[in-house]
Amino acid sequence: MRASLLLPVLLAGSWLNAPAARAQTSTADTLTWGSLSVDYSLLHRARQTAELPLVAPSTGLFTVLTPTNTAFDQLPAGTLDELLLPINREPLRQLLNYHILVGRHDLATVTTGQRLPTLQGQTVQVQRQGNRIFLQDAQGHRIEVQPTPQTKTNGLRYSVQGVLLPSE
């Protein structure tokens, strides 16, 4: 499936466009896209290609869902390679901004069926199975969220085991 068909083109919101996003400097207690470990190298490559800052804006609260390399490997063959082309920078921003929830959401307290707004402009839906937490994207795919977030002054960051896809 071609990435240009997977993702919308209009940018609803972005860390790039948020107030103070460009001027923000990284500190140990500020929300970022996540660890620079090898487990997240594809996420950071995508973030750099999309020209999104590493650090969240200084205003507002966010919940960042950080897909691991294994999550990106689950995309249909060729999808990530196509998204990483410079011509697809805007669809890639859409995809990454779909992984940023507006507000600080402790996923341990959300309920099944609850819809959470993303910075991209669409929502994801919460599903619970016992103690396990899943998010369903606009295309009906479910990804599991690791239960323990990293807490920062301006939000939370969760590792996720899949890539969320906004509606086409």
N, C-alpha and C. Protein backbone atom coordinates (compact mmCIF):
# COMPACT_ATOMS: atom_id res chain seq x y z
N MET A 1 0.85 -1.17 0.00
CA MET A 1 0.00 0.00 0.00
C MET A 1 0.89 1.23 0.00
N ARG A 2 0.61 2.19 -0.82
CA ARG A 2 1.43 3.39 -0.94
C ARG A 2 1.15 4.33 0.21
N ALA A 3 2.21 4.89 0.77
CA ALA A 3 2.07 5.80 1.91
C ALA A 3 1.24 7.02 1.54
N SER A 4 1.37 7.48 0.30
CA SER A 4 0.61 8.67 -0.11
C SER A 4 -0.89 8.39 -0.09
N LEU A 5 -1.28 7.12 -0.16
CA LEU A 5 -2.69 6.78 -0.07
C LEU A 5 -3.11 6.50 1.37
N LEU A 6 -2.15 6.22 2.22
CA LEU A 6 -2.45 5.90 3.61
C LEU A 6 -2.78 7.13 4.46
N LEU A 7 -2.16 8.25 4.12
CA LEU A 7 -2.18 9.37 5.05
C LEU A 7 -2.78 10.63 4.46
N PRO A 8 -3.46 11.42 5.26
CA PRO A 8 -3.99 12.69 4.78
C PRO A 8 -2.86 13.68 4.53
N VAL A 9 -3.14 14.69 3.75
CA VAL A 9 -2.11 15.64 3.35
C VAL A 9 -2.14 16.91 4.18
N LEU A 10 -3.28 17.32 4.69
CA LEU A 10 -3.35 18.57 5.44
C LEU A 10 -2.81 18.40 6.84
N LEU A 11 -2.02 19.34 7.28
CA LEU A 11 -1.42 19.29 8.60
C LEU A 11 -2.31 20.02 9.59
N ALA A 12 -2.91 19.25 10.50
CA ALA A 12 -3.83 19.85 11.47
C ALA A 12 -3.08 20.51 12.62
N GLY A 13 -1.97 20.00 12.98
CA GLY A 13 -1.18 20.54 14.07
C GLY A 13 0.15 19.85 14.09
N SER A 14 1.10 20.42 14.80
CA SER A 14 2.42 19.85 14.80
C SER A 14 3.25 20.46 15.90
N TRP A 15 4.19 19.69 16.44
CA TRP A 15 5.16 20.27 17.34
C TRP A 15 5.91 21.35 16.60
N LEU A 16 6.08 21.18 15.28
CA LEU A 16 6.79 22.16 14.47
C LEU A 16 6.09 23.51 14.50
N ASN A 17 4.75 23.49 14.52
CA ASN A 17 3.98 24.72 14.46
C ASN A 17 3.55 25.23 15.83
N ALA A 18 3.77 24.45 16.87
CA ALA A 18 3.33 24.85 18.21
C ALA A 18 4.20 25.97 18.74
N PRO A 19 3.64 26.83 19.61
CA PRO A 19 4.42 27.95 20.16
C PRO A 19 5.69 27.47 20.84
N ALA A 20 6.74 28.15 20.59
CA ALA A 20 8.05 27.92 21.22
C ALA A 20 8.68 26.59 20.88
N ALA A 21 8.14 25.84 19.92
CA ALA A 21 8.69 24.54 19.60
C ALA A 21 10.12 24.64 19.09
N ARG A 22 10.40 25.62 18.29
CA ARG A 22 11.74 25.74 17.74
C ARG A 22 12.74 26.26 18.77
N ALA A 23 12.28 27.05 19.71
CA ALA A 23 13.20 27.66 20.67
C ALA A 23 13.42 26.78 21.90
N GLN A 24 12.58 25.79 22.10
CA GLN A 24 12.67 24.93 23.29
C GLN A 24 13.99 24.17 23.32
N THR A 25 14.60 24.11 24.48
CA THR A 25 15.81 23.33 24.63
C THR A 25 15.51 22.12 25.49
N SER A 26 16.24 21.06 25.25
CA SER A 26 16.02 19.80 25.95
C SER A 26 16.53 19.88 27.38
N THR A 27 15.71 19.39 28.30
CA THR A 27 16.15 19.21 29.67
C THR A 27 15.72 17.83 30.10
N ALA A 28 16.25 17.35 31.20
CA ALA A 28 15.97 16.00 31.65
C ALA A 28 14.50 15.79 32.00
N ASP A 29 13.77 16.86 32.32
CA ASP A 29 12.39 16.71 32.75
C ASP A 29 11.38 17.22 31.71
N THR A 30 11.81 17.37 30.46
CA THR A 30 10.93 17.85 29.41
C THR A 30 10.59 16.70 28.47
N LEU A 31 9.34 16.64 28.04
CA LEU A 31 8.87 15.58 27.18
C LEU A 31 9.54 15.66 25.81
N THR A 32 10.07 14.53 25.36
CA THR A 32 10.67 14.43 24.03
C THR A 32 10.06 13.22 23.33
N TRP A 33 10.50 12.99 22.10
CA TRP A 33 10.04 11.82 21.35
C TRP A 33 10.50 10.53 21.99
N GLY A 34 11.47 10.59 22.84
CA GLY A 34 11.88 9.37 23.53
C GLY A 34 13.36 9.14 23.50
N SER A 35 13.70 8.02 24.03
CA SER A 35 15.08 7.59 24.14
C SER A 35 15.75 7.55 22.78
N LEU A 36 17.00 7.88 22.76
CA LEU A 36 17.77 7.80 21.51
C LEU A 36 18.40 6.42 21.37
N SER A 37 17.87 5.43 22.10
CA SER A 37 18.42 4.08 22.03
C SER A 37 18.16 3.47 20.65
N VAL A 38 18.89 2.42 20.37
CA VAL A 38 18.75 1.75 19.07
C VAL A 38 17.35 1.19 18.86
N ASP A 39 16.59 0.94 19.94
CA ASP A 39 15.22 0.43 19.82
C ASP A 39 14.27 1.44 19.19
N TYR A 40 14.67 2.72 19.16
CA TYR A 40 13.82 3.78 18.61
C TYR A 40 14.50 4.50 17.45
N SER A 41 15.48 3.89 16.83
CA SER A 41 16.23 4.56 15.76
C SER A 41 15.35 4.88 14.55
N LEU A 42 14.38 4.03 14.21
CA LEU A 42 13.50 4.32 13.07
C LEU A 42 12.58 5.50 13.38
N LEU A 43 12.11 5.60 14.61
CA LEU A 43 11.29 6.74 15.02
C LEU A 43 12.08 8.03 14.89
N HIS A 44 13.32 8.03 15.35
CA HIS A 44 14.12 9.25 15.28
C HIS A 44 14.51 9.59 13.85
N ARG A 45 14.72 8.57 13.04
CA ARG A 45 14.99 8.84 11.62
C ARG A 45 13.76 9.48 10.97
N ALA A 46 12.58 8.96 11.29
CA ALA A 46 11.34 9.52 10.75
C ALA A 46 11.14 10.95 11.25
N ARG A 47 11.39 11.19 12.54
CA ARG A 47 11.23 12.53 13.10
C ARG A 47 12.16 13.52 12.42
N GLN A 48 13.39 13.12 12.18
CA GLN A 48 14.35 14.00 11.50
C GLN A 48 13.93 14.26 10.06
N THR A 49 13.47 13.23 9.36
CA THR A 49 13.01 13.40 7.98
C THR A 49 11.81 14.34 7.92
N ALA A 50 10.92 14.23 8.89
CA ALA A 50 9.73 15.09 8.95
C ALA A 50 10.07 16.49 9.43
N GLU A 51 11.30 16.69 9.85
CA GLU A 51 11.76 17.97 10.38
C GLU A 51 10.95 18.43 11.58
N LEU A 52 10.65 17.50 12.47
CA LEU A 52 9.96 17.81 13.72
C LEU A 52 11.00 17.93 14.82
N PRO A 53 10.82 18.88 15.73
CA PRO A 53 11.77 19.03 16.83
C PRO A 53 11.73 17.83 17.77
N LEU A 54 12.82 17.58 18.45
CA LEU A 54 12.91 16.49 19.40
C LEU A 54 12.09 16.77 20.65
N VAL A 55 12.03 18.03 21.06
CA VAL A 55 11.44 18.43 22.33
C VAL A 55 10.05 19.03 22.11
N ALA A 56 9.13 18.71 23.02
CA ALA A 56 7.78 19.25 22.97
C ALA A 56 7.79 20.75 23.23
N PRO A 57 6.76 21.45 22.76
CA PRO A 57 6.64 22.87 23.06
C PRO A 57 6.58 23.11 24.56
N SER A 58 6.97 24.29 24.97
CA SER A 58 6.97 24.60 26.40
C SER A 58 5.57 24.87 26.93
N THR A 59 4.61 25.08 26.05
CA THR A 59 3.23 25.32 26.49
C THR A 59 2.37 24.11 26.17
N GLY A 60 1.49 23.76 27.07
CA GLY A 60 0.57 22.66 26.86
C GLY A 60 1.10 21.35 27.41
N LEU A 61 0.17 20.40 27.55
CA LEU A 61 0.49 19.06 28.02
C LEU A 61 0.23 18.08 26.88
N PHE A 62 1.07 17.04 26.79
CA PHE A 62 0.98 16.07 25.71
C PHE A 62 1.20 14.67 26.26
N THR A 63 0.71 13.69 25.52
CA THR A 63 1.02 12.29 25.77
C THR A 63 1.58 11.76 24.46
N VAL A 64 2.84 11.32 24.49
CA VAL A 64 3.52 10.88 23.28
C VAL A 64 3.57 9.36 23.27
N LEU A 65 3.16 8.79 22.14
CA LEU A 65 3.19 7.34 21.93
C LEU A 65 4.38 7.05 21.02
N THR A 66 5.39 6.35 21.53
CA THR A 66 6.62 6.16 20.78
C THR A 66 6.73 4.73 20.26
N PRO A 67 6.55 4.56 18.94
CA PRO A 67 6.69 3.22 18.36
C PRO A 67 8.15 2.77 18.34
N THR A 68 8.36 1.51 18.67
CA THR A 68 9.69 0.92 18.62
C THR A 68 10.02 0.54 17.17
N ASN A 69 11.27 0.17 16.94
CA ASN A 69 11.64 -0.31 15.60
C ASN A 69 10.80 -1.51 15.19
N THR A 70 10.50 -2.39 16.13
CA THR A 70 9.67 -3.55 15.85
C THR A 70 8.29 -3.12 15.37
N ALA A 71 7.76 -2.04 15.94
CA ALA A 71 6.46 -1.51 15.52
C ALA A 71 6.52 -1.05 14.07
N PHE A 72 7.57 -0.32 13.70
CA PHE A 72 7.70 0.15 12.32
C PHE A 72 7.89 -1.02 11.36
N ASP A 73 8.56 -2.07 11.81
CA ASP A 73 8.78 -3.25 10.96
C ASP A 73 7.47 -3.95 10.62
N GLN A 74 6.41 -3.71 11.39
CA GLN A 74 5.11 -4.34 11.15
C GLN A 74 4.30 -3.63 10.06
N LEU A 75 4.74 -2.45 9.61
CA LEU A 75 4.05 -1.76 8.53
C LEU A 75 4.15 -2.59 7.25
N PRO A 76 3.21 -2.43 6.32
CA PRO A 76 3.31 -3.15 5.04
C PRO A 76 4.65 -2.88 4.36
N ALA A 77 5.17 -3.86 3.68
CA ALA A 77 6.46 -3.75 3.00
C ALA A 77 6.53 -2.48 2.15
N GLY A 78 7.61 -1.73 2.32
CA GLY A 78 7.85 -0.54 1.52
C GLY A 78 7.23 0.73 2.05
N THR A 79 6.31 0.63 3.00
CA THR A 79 5.61 1.82 3.50
C THR A 79 6.56 2.80 4.17
N LEU A 80 7.40 2.31 5.08
CA LEU A 80 8.30 3.21 5.78
C LEU A 80 9.31 3.82 4.81
N ASP A 81 9.86 3.02 3.91
CA ASP A 81 10.81 3.56 2.93
C ASP A 81 10.19 4.68 2.11
N GLU A 82 8.94 4.51 1.72
CA GLU A 82 8.27 5.54 0.94
C GLU A 82 8.01 6.79 1.77
N LEU A 83 7.60 6.59 3.04
CA LEU A 83 7.35 7.74 3.91
C LEU A 83 8.62 8.54 4.18
N LEU A 84 9.77 7.89 4.16
CA LEU A 84 11.03 8.57 4.45
C LEU A 84 11.59 9.34 3.26
N LEU A 85 10.91 9.29 2.12
CA LEU A 85 11.33 10.09 0.97
C LEU A 85 10.99 11.55 1.24
N PRO A 86 11.86 12.49 0.85
CA PRO A 86 11.60 13.92 1.09
C PRO A 86 10.26 14.40 0.54
N ILE A 87 9.79 13.83 -0.53
CA ILE A 87 8.51 14.25 -1.11
C ILE A 87 7.33 13.92 -0.20
N ASN A 88 7.54 12.99 0.73
CA ASN A 88 6.46 12.56 1.63
C ASN A 88 6.61 13.13 3.04
N ARG A 89 7.32 14.24 3.17
CA ARG A 89 7.56 14.86 4.49
C ARG A 89 6.22 15.18 5.19
N GLU A 90 5.29 15.75 4.45
CA GLU A 90 4.01 16.15 5.08
C GLU A 90 3.19 14.93 5.54
N PRO A 91 3.02 13.89 4.72
CA PRO A 91 2.33 12.70 5.24
C PRO A 91 3.05 12.07 6.44
N LEU A 92 4.37 12.13 6.45
CA LEU A 92 5.12 11.59 7.58
C LEU A 92 4.85 12.42 8.84
N ARG A 93 4.76 13.74 8.70
CA ARG A 93 4.40 14.59 9.85
C ARG A 93 3.02 14.21 10.37
N GLN A 94 2.09 13.97 9.45
CA GLN A 94 0.74 13.56 9.85
C GLN A 94 0.81 12.28 10.68
N LEU A 95 1.56 11.32 10.20
CA LEU A 95 1.69 10.05 10.89
C LEU A 95 2.27 10.23 12.29
N LEU A 96 3.34 10.99 12.39
CA LEU A 96 3.98 11.20 13.69
C LEU A 96 3.10 12.01 14.63
N ASN A 97 2.42 13.03 14.11
CA ASN A 97 1.53 13.83 14.96
C ASN A 97 0.30 13.05 15.42
N TYR A 98 -0.01 11.97 14.72
CA TYR A 98 -1.10 11.08 15.14
C TYR A 98 -0.68 10.28 16.38
N HIS A 99 0.61 10.28 16.71
CA HIS A 99 1.13 9.60 17.88
C HIS A 99 1.31 10.55 19.06
N ILE A 100 0.81 11.77 18.95
CA ILE A 100 0.86 12.74 20.04
C ILE A 100 -0.57 13.04 20.46
N LEU A 101 -0.91 12.66 21.67
CA LEU A 101 -2.24 12.94 22.20
C LEU A 101 -2.23 14.33 22.84
N VAL A 102 -3.27 15.08 22.59
CA VAL A 102 -3.41 16.41 23.18
C VAL A 102 -3.85 16.22 24.62
N GLY A 103 -3.05 16.72 25.54
CA GLY A 103 -3.34 16.58 26.96
C GLY A 103 -2.52 15.47 27.59
N ARG A 104 -2.54 15.48 28.88
CA ARG A 104 -1.82 14.46 29.67
C ARG A 104 -2.83 13.36 30.00
N HIS A 105 -2.66 12.20 29.38
CA HIS A 105 -3.60 11.09 29.55
C HIS A 105 -2.91 9.92 30.24
N ASP A 106 -3.31 9.68 31.49
CA ASP A 106 -2.83 8.49 32.20
C ASP A 106 -3.66 7.33 31.67
N LEU A 107 -3.06 6.50 30.84
CA LEU A 107 -3.82 5.44 30.18
C LEU A 107 -4.30 4.37 31.14
N ALA A 108 -3.77 4.35 32.36
CA ALA A 108 -4.26 3.41 33.37
C ALA A 108 -5.66 3.79 33.84
N THR A 109 -6.08 5.03 33.60
CA THR A 109 -7.38 5.49 34.11
C THR A 109 -8.42 5.70 33.00
N VAL A 110 -8.05 5.48 31.75
CA VAL A 110 -9.02 5.69 30.67
C VAL A 110 -9.93 4.48 30.56
N THR A 111 -11.08 4.67 29.92
CA THR A 111 -12.06 3.60 29.82
C THR A 111 -12.26 3.16 28.37
N THR A 112 -12.70 1.92 28.21
CA THR A 112 -12.97 1.39 26.88
C THR A 112 -13.98 2.28 26.17
N GLY A 113 -13.71 2.57 24.92
CA GLY A 113 -14.58 3.40 24.11
C GLY A 113 -14.24 4.88 24.15
N GLN A 114 -13.43 5.29 25.11
CA GLN A 114 -13.04 6.70 25.21
C GLN A 114 -12.21 7.07 23.99
N ARG A 115 -12.47 8.26 23.43
CA ARG A 115 -11.72 8.77 22.28
C ARG A 115 -10.77 9.86 22.76
N LEU A 116 -9.52 9.74 22.34
CA LEU A 116 -8.50 10.69 22.75
C LEU A 116 -8.05 11.49 21.53
N PRO A 117 -8.04 12.82 21.63
CA PRO A 117 -7.65 13.65 20.48
C PRO A 117 -6.14 13.63 20.25
N THR A 118 -5.76 13.63 18.98
CA THR A 118 -4.35 13.68 18.63
C THR A 118 -3.99 15.06 18.09
N LEU A 119 -2.72 15.37 18.11
CA LEU A 119 -2.24 16.64 17.57
C LEU A 119 -2.49 16.71 16.06
N GLN A 120 -2.60 15.57 15.42
CA GLN A 120 -2.86 15.50 13.98
C GLN A 120 -4.29 15.95 13.67
N GLY A 121 -5.19 15.85 14.64
CA GLY A 121 -6.56 16.32 14.44
C GLY A 121 -7.61 15.24 14.53
N GLN A 122 -7.23 13.99 14.37
CA GLN A 122 -8.18 12.89 14.51
C GLN A 122 -8.09 12.32 15.91
N THR A 123 -8.82 11.27 16.19
CA THR A 123 -8.80 10.65 17.52
C THR A 123 -8.36 9.19 17.42
N VAL A 124 -7.97 8.65 18.56
CA VAL A 124 -7.76 7.21 18.72
C VAL A 124 -8.72 6.75 19.80
N GLN A 125 -9.12 5.48 19.72
CA GLN A 125 -10.09 4.96 20.68
C GLN A 125 -9.43 3.96 21.61
N VAL A 126 -9.75 4.08 22.89
CA VAL A 126 -9.20 3.20 23.92
C VAL A 126 -9.97 1.89 23.95
N GLN A 127 -9.23 0.80 24.10
CA GLN A 127 -9.82 -0.52 24.34
C GLN A 127 -9.01 -1.18 25.45
N ARG A 128 -9.71 -1.80 26.37
CA ARG A 128 -9.05 -2.48 27.49
C ARG A 128 -9.43 -3.95 27.47
N GLN A 129 -8.45 -4.79 27.78
CA GLN A 129 -8.67 -6.22 27.97
C GLN A 129 -7.95 -6.59 29.26
N GLY A 130 -8.70 -6.67 30.34
CA GLY A 130 -8.08 -6.91 31.63
C GLY A 130 -7.18 -5.74 31.97
N ASN A 131 -5.92 -6.03 32.25
CA ASN A 131 -4.95 -4.98 32.57
C ASN A 131 -4.25 -4.43 31.35
N ARG A 132 -4.53 -4.99 30.18
CA ARG A 132 -3.86 -4.56 28.95
C ARG A 132 -4.63 -3.39 28.32
N ILE A 133 -3.85 -2.44 27.76
CA ILE A 133 -4.43 -1.23 27.15
C ILE A 133 -4.07 -1.23 25.67
N PHE A 134 -5.09 -1.02 24.84
CA PHE A 134 -4.90 -0.94 23.40
C PHE A 134 -5.48 0.37 22.90
N LEU A 135 -4.91 0.88 21.82
CA LEU A 135 -5.48 2.03 21.13
C LEU A 135 -5.82 1.58 19.72
N GLN A 136 -7.01 1.98 19.28
CA GLN A 136 -7.45 1.65 17.93
C GLN A 136 -7.38 2.91 17.07
N ASP A 137 -6.73 2.78 15.91
CA ASP A 137 -6.58 3.94 15.02
C ASP A 137 -7.80 4.10 14.13
N ALA A 138 -7.77 5.11 13.28
CA ALA A 138 -8.89 5.44 12.40
C ALA A 138 -9.15 4.36 11.37
N GLN A 139 -8.16 3.50 11.10
CA GLN A 139 -8.32 2.42 10.13
C GLN A 139 -8.71 1.09 10.77
N GLY A 140 -8.90 1.11 12.09
CA GLY A 140 -9.35 -0.09 12.79
C GLY A 140 -8.23 -0.97 13.33
N HIS A 141 -6.98 -0.58 13.15
CA HIS A 141 -5.86 -1.35 13.69
C HIS A 141 -5.71 -1.07 15.18
N ARG A 142 -5.35 -2.11 15.93
CA ARG A 142 -5.13 -1.96 17.36
C ARG A 142 -3.65 -2.13 17.68
N ILE A 143 -3.16 -1.28 18.57
CA ILE A 143 -1.78 -1.43 19.06
C ILE A 143 -1.81 -1.48 20.58
N GLU A 144 -0.90 -2.24 21.13
CA GLU A 144 -0.81 -2.33 22.58
C GLU A 144 0.12 -1.25 23.12
N VAL A 145 -0.28 -0.70 24.25
CA VAL A 145 0.49 0.36 24.91
C VAL A 145 1.15 -0.26 26.14
N GLN A 146 2.45 0.00 26.30
CA GLN A 146 3.14 -0.47 27.51
C GLN A 146 2.53 0.27 28.70
N PRO A 147 2.25 -0.43 29.80
CA PRO A 147 1.46 0.16 30.89
C PRO A 147 2.13 1.26 31.69
N THR A 148 3.44 1.33 31.71
CA THR A 148 4.11 2.30 32.56
C THR A 148 4.72 3.42 31.72
N PRO A 149 4.22 4.65 31.90
CA PRO A 149 4.77 5.77 31.12
C PRO A 149 6.01 6.36 31.78
N GLN A 150 6.73 7.13 30.99
CA GLN A 150 7.75 8.02 31.54
C GLN A 150 7.03 9.33 31.81
N THR A 151 7.17 9.85 33.01
CA THR A 151 6.49 11.07 33.42
C THR A 151 7.45 12.25 33.30
N LYS A 152 6.97 13.31 32.64
CA LYS A 152 7.73 14.54 32.49
C LYS A 152 6.84 15.70 32.93
N THR A 153 7.42 16.88 33.09
CA THR A 153 6.65 18.02 33.57
C THR A 153 5.55 18.41 32.61
N ASN A 154 5.74 18.19 31.32
CA ASN A 154 4.74 18.61 30.34
C ASN A 154 4.02 17.44 29.68
N GLY A 155 4.03 16.27 30.33
CA GLY A 155 3.27 15.16 29.78
C GLY A 155 3.82 13.80 30.11
N LEU A 156 3.30 12.81 29.37
CA LEU A 156 3.67 11.41 29.56
C LEU A 156 4.15 10.83 28.24
N ARG A 157 5.01 9.82 28.33
CA ARG A 157 5.45 9.13 27.12
C ARG A 157 5.30 7.63 27.34
N TYR A 158 4.61 6.98 26.39
CA TYR A 158 4.40 5.54 26.42
C TYR A 158 5.07 4.89 25.22
N SER A 159 5.65 3.74 25.42
CA SER A 159 6.14 2.93 24.32
C SER A 159 4.96 2.13 23.77
N VAL A 160 4.88 2.03 22.43
CA VAL A 160 3.78 1.29 21.81
C VAL A 160 4.35 0.23 20.88
N GLN A 161 3.56 -0.83 20.70
CA GLN A 161 4.00 -1.99 19.94
C GLN A 161 3.42 -2.03 18.54
N GLY A 162 3.10 -0.88 18.00
CA GLY A 162 2.57 -0.78 16.64
C GLY A 162 2.57 0.68 16.21
N VAL A 163 2.26 0.90 14.95
CA VAL A 163 2.18 2.24 14.40
C VAL A 163 0.72 2.56 14.11
N LEU A 164 0.25 3.67 14.67
CA LEU A 164 -1.13 4.12 14.44
C LEU A 164 -1.22 4.78 13.09
N LEU A 165 -2.30 4.52 12.35
CA LEU A 165 -2.51 5.12 11.03
C LEU A 165 -3.78 5.95 11.02
N PRO A 166 -3.67 7.24 10.67
CA PRO A 166 -4.87 8.07 10.57
C PRO A 166 -5.71 7.62 9.36
N SER A 167 -6.91 8.14 9.26
CA SER A 167 -7.76 7.76 8.12
C SER A 167 -7.15 8.26 6.83
N GLU A 168 -7.51 7.57 5.75
CA GLU A 168 -6.96 7.92 4.43
C GLU A 168 -7.58 9.18 3.90
